[in-house]
């Protein structure tokens, strides 16, 4: 079993930056990828950025050029550096850890980012 705990959400002014952190624990050897997703009320959860255990990254179009996903394998951490934040980036951000054998995603509890205009 894998667990993820996010931190770093806060109120940020438009144009500002914020770094989200996710601590992953448990059976980390089954993990194939770790990612950041976000959700706003009434909308489906959407991918922000994802990084595989081999280091391949994927970004949503809205995140390209502004957000960077990274990981620290020694500390079992995954980060999301968000720059040039916009009010439309306001959401609850979730860390999702993918299990390689079946694609199951273990979710953290979420951390809220609010971008004020």
Protein backbone atom coordinates (compact mmCIF):
# COMPACT_ATOMS: atom_id res chain seq x y z
CA UNK A 1 0.00 0.00 0.00
CA UNK A 2 1.17 3.50 -0.84
CA UNK A 3 0.33 6.73 0.92
CA UNK A 4 0.78 10.32 -0.21
CA UNK A 5 0.65 13.45 1.92
CA UNK A 6 0.66 16.86 0.27
CA UNK A 7 1.68 20.21 1.69
CA UNK A 8 2.40 23.70 0.51
CA UNK A 9 -0.96 25.04 -0.54
CA UNK A 10 -1.68 28.65 0.35
CA UNK A 11 -3.10 31.95 -0.80
CA UNK A 12 -0.88 33.46 -3.48
CA UNK A 13 -1.13 36.63 -5.51
CA UNK A 14 -1.41 36.39 -9.27
CA UNK A 15 2.03 36.28 -10.82
CA UNK A 16 3.50 34.68 -7.75
CA UNK A 17 5.04 31.28 -7.18
CA UNK A 18 4.40 28.36 -4.93
CA UNK A 19 5.99 24.96 -4.43
CA UNK A 20 3.89 21.98 -3.46
CA UNK A 21 5.40 18.95 -1.81
CA UNK A 22 4.24 15.36 -1.57
CA UNK A 23 5.69 12.79 0.77
CA UNK A 24 5.22 9.24 -0.47
CA UNK A 25 5.45 6.30 1.88
CA UNK A 26 4.64 2.62 1.98
CA UNK A 27 5.42 0.07 -0.70
CA UNK A 28 7.27 2.44 -2.98
CA UNK A 29 8.66 -0.37 -5.13
CA UNK A 30 5.30 -0.83 -6.83
CA UNK A 31 5.17 2.78 -7.99
CA UNK A 32 5.42 3.48 -11.71
CA UNK A 33 4.72 7.21 -11.67
CA UNK A 34 3.89 10.13 -9.42
CA UNK A 35 1.87 13.12 -10.43
CA UNK A 36 0.05 16.25 -9.49
CA UNK A 37 -3.60 16.70 -10.34
CA UNK A 38 -6.05 19.45 -9.54
CA UNK A 39 -9.77 19.81 -9.10
CA UNK A 40 -12.20 22.69 -8.82
CA UNK A 41 -15.84 22.44 -7.74
CA UNK A 42 -18.06 20.90 -10.39
CA UNK A 43 -15.15 19.76 -12.53
CA UNK A 44 -13.30 16.52 -12.94
CA UNK A 45 -9.89 16.07 -11.50
CA UNK A 46 -7.31 16.85 -14.16
CA UNK A 47 -3.67 16.05 -14.66
CA UNK A 48 -1.23 18.89 -14.04
CA UNK A 49 2.08 17.07 -14.35
CA UNK A 50 3.37 13.56 -14.01
CA UNK A 51 6.80 11.97 -13.68
CA UNK A 52 7.63 8.33 -14.17
CA UNK A 53 10.19 6.45 -12.13
CA UNK A 54 12.51 6.65 -15.15
CA UNK A 55 12.18 10.43 -15.11
CA UNK A 56 9.88 11.01 -18.06
CA UNK A 57 7.67 14.00 -17.47
CA UNK A 58 4.28 14.92 -18.87
CA UNK A 59 2.58 18.28 -18.51
CA UNK A 60 -0.88 19.56 -19.20
CA UNK A 61 -0.88 22.33 -21.77
CA UNK A 62 -1.77 24.94 -19.15
CA UNK A 63 1.22 23.89 -17.05
CA UNK A 64 3.87 23.93 -19.75
CA UNK A 65 6.38 26.70 -19.25
CA UNK A 66 5.03 27.64 -15.82
CA UNK A 67 5.04 24.49 -13.70
CA UNK A 68 7.85 22.03 -13.07
CA UNK A 69 7.52 18.59 -11.50
CA UNK A 70 10.51 17.02 -9.82
CA UNK A 71 11.24 14.27 -7.38
CA UNK A 72 13.76 13.33 -4.72
CA UNK A 73 14.08 9.58 -4.75
CA UNK A 74 16.17 9.47 -1.59
CA UNK A 75 13.46 11.27 0.37
CA UNK A 76 10.48 9.80 -1.51
CA UNK A 77 9.26 13.27 -2.31
CA UNK A 78 7.67 14.75 -5.39
CA UNK A 79 7.39 18.49 -5.90
CA UNK A 80 5.45 20.87 -8.09
CA UNK A 81 7.01 24.27 -8.61
CA UNK A 82 4.37 26.67 -9.87
CA UNK A 83 5.38 30.03 -11.30
CA UNK A 84 3.42 32.86 -12.89
CA UNK A 85 0.30 31.73 -11.12
CA UNK A 86 -3.06 32.84 -12.44
CA UNK A 87 -6.46 33.04 -10.72
CA UNK A 88 -7.60 30.12 -12.88
CA UNK A 89 -4.95 27.97 -11.18
CA UNK A 90 -7.02 28.14 -8.02
CA UNK A 91 -7.87 24.55 -7.09
CA UNK A 92 -7.25 21.73 -4.71
CA UNK A 93 -4.07 20.03 -5.82
CA UNK A 94 -3.70 16.32 -5.27
CA UNK A 95 -0.67 14.08 -5.35
CA UNK A 96 -1.42 10.87 -7.18
CA UNK A 97 0.85 7.84 -7.03
CA UNK A 98 0.37 5.22 -9.73
CA UNK A 99 0.82 1.54 -9.05
CA UNK A 100 2.56 -0.08 -11.96
CA UNK A 101 0.86 -3.47 -11.95
CA UNK A 102 -2.66 -2.20 -12.54
CA UNK A 103 -2.58 1.59 -12.89
CA UNK A 104 -4.32 2.16 -9.59
CA UNK A 105 -3.75 5.68 -8.27
CA UNK A 106 -3.40 6.34 -4.56
CA UNK A 107 -4.43 9.89 -3.69
CA UNK A 108 -3.35 12.27 -1.02
CA UNK A 109 -5.83 14.41 0.88
CA UNK A 110 -5.18 17.46 -1.30
CA UNK A 111 -3.78 20.89 -0.63
CA UNK A 112 -5.59 24.06 -1.61
CA UNK A 113 -4.01 26.76 -3.72
CA UNK A 114 -5.86 30.03 -4.06
CA UNK A 115 -4.56 32.64 -6.47
CA UNK A 116 -5.91 36.12 -5.92
CA UNK A 117 -6.13 38.66 -8.70
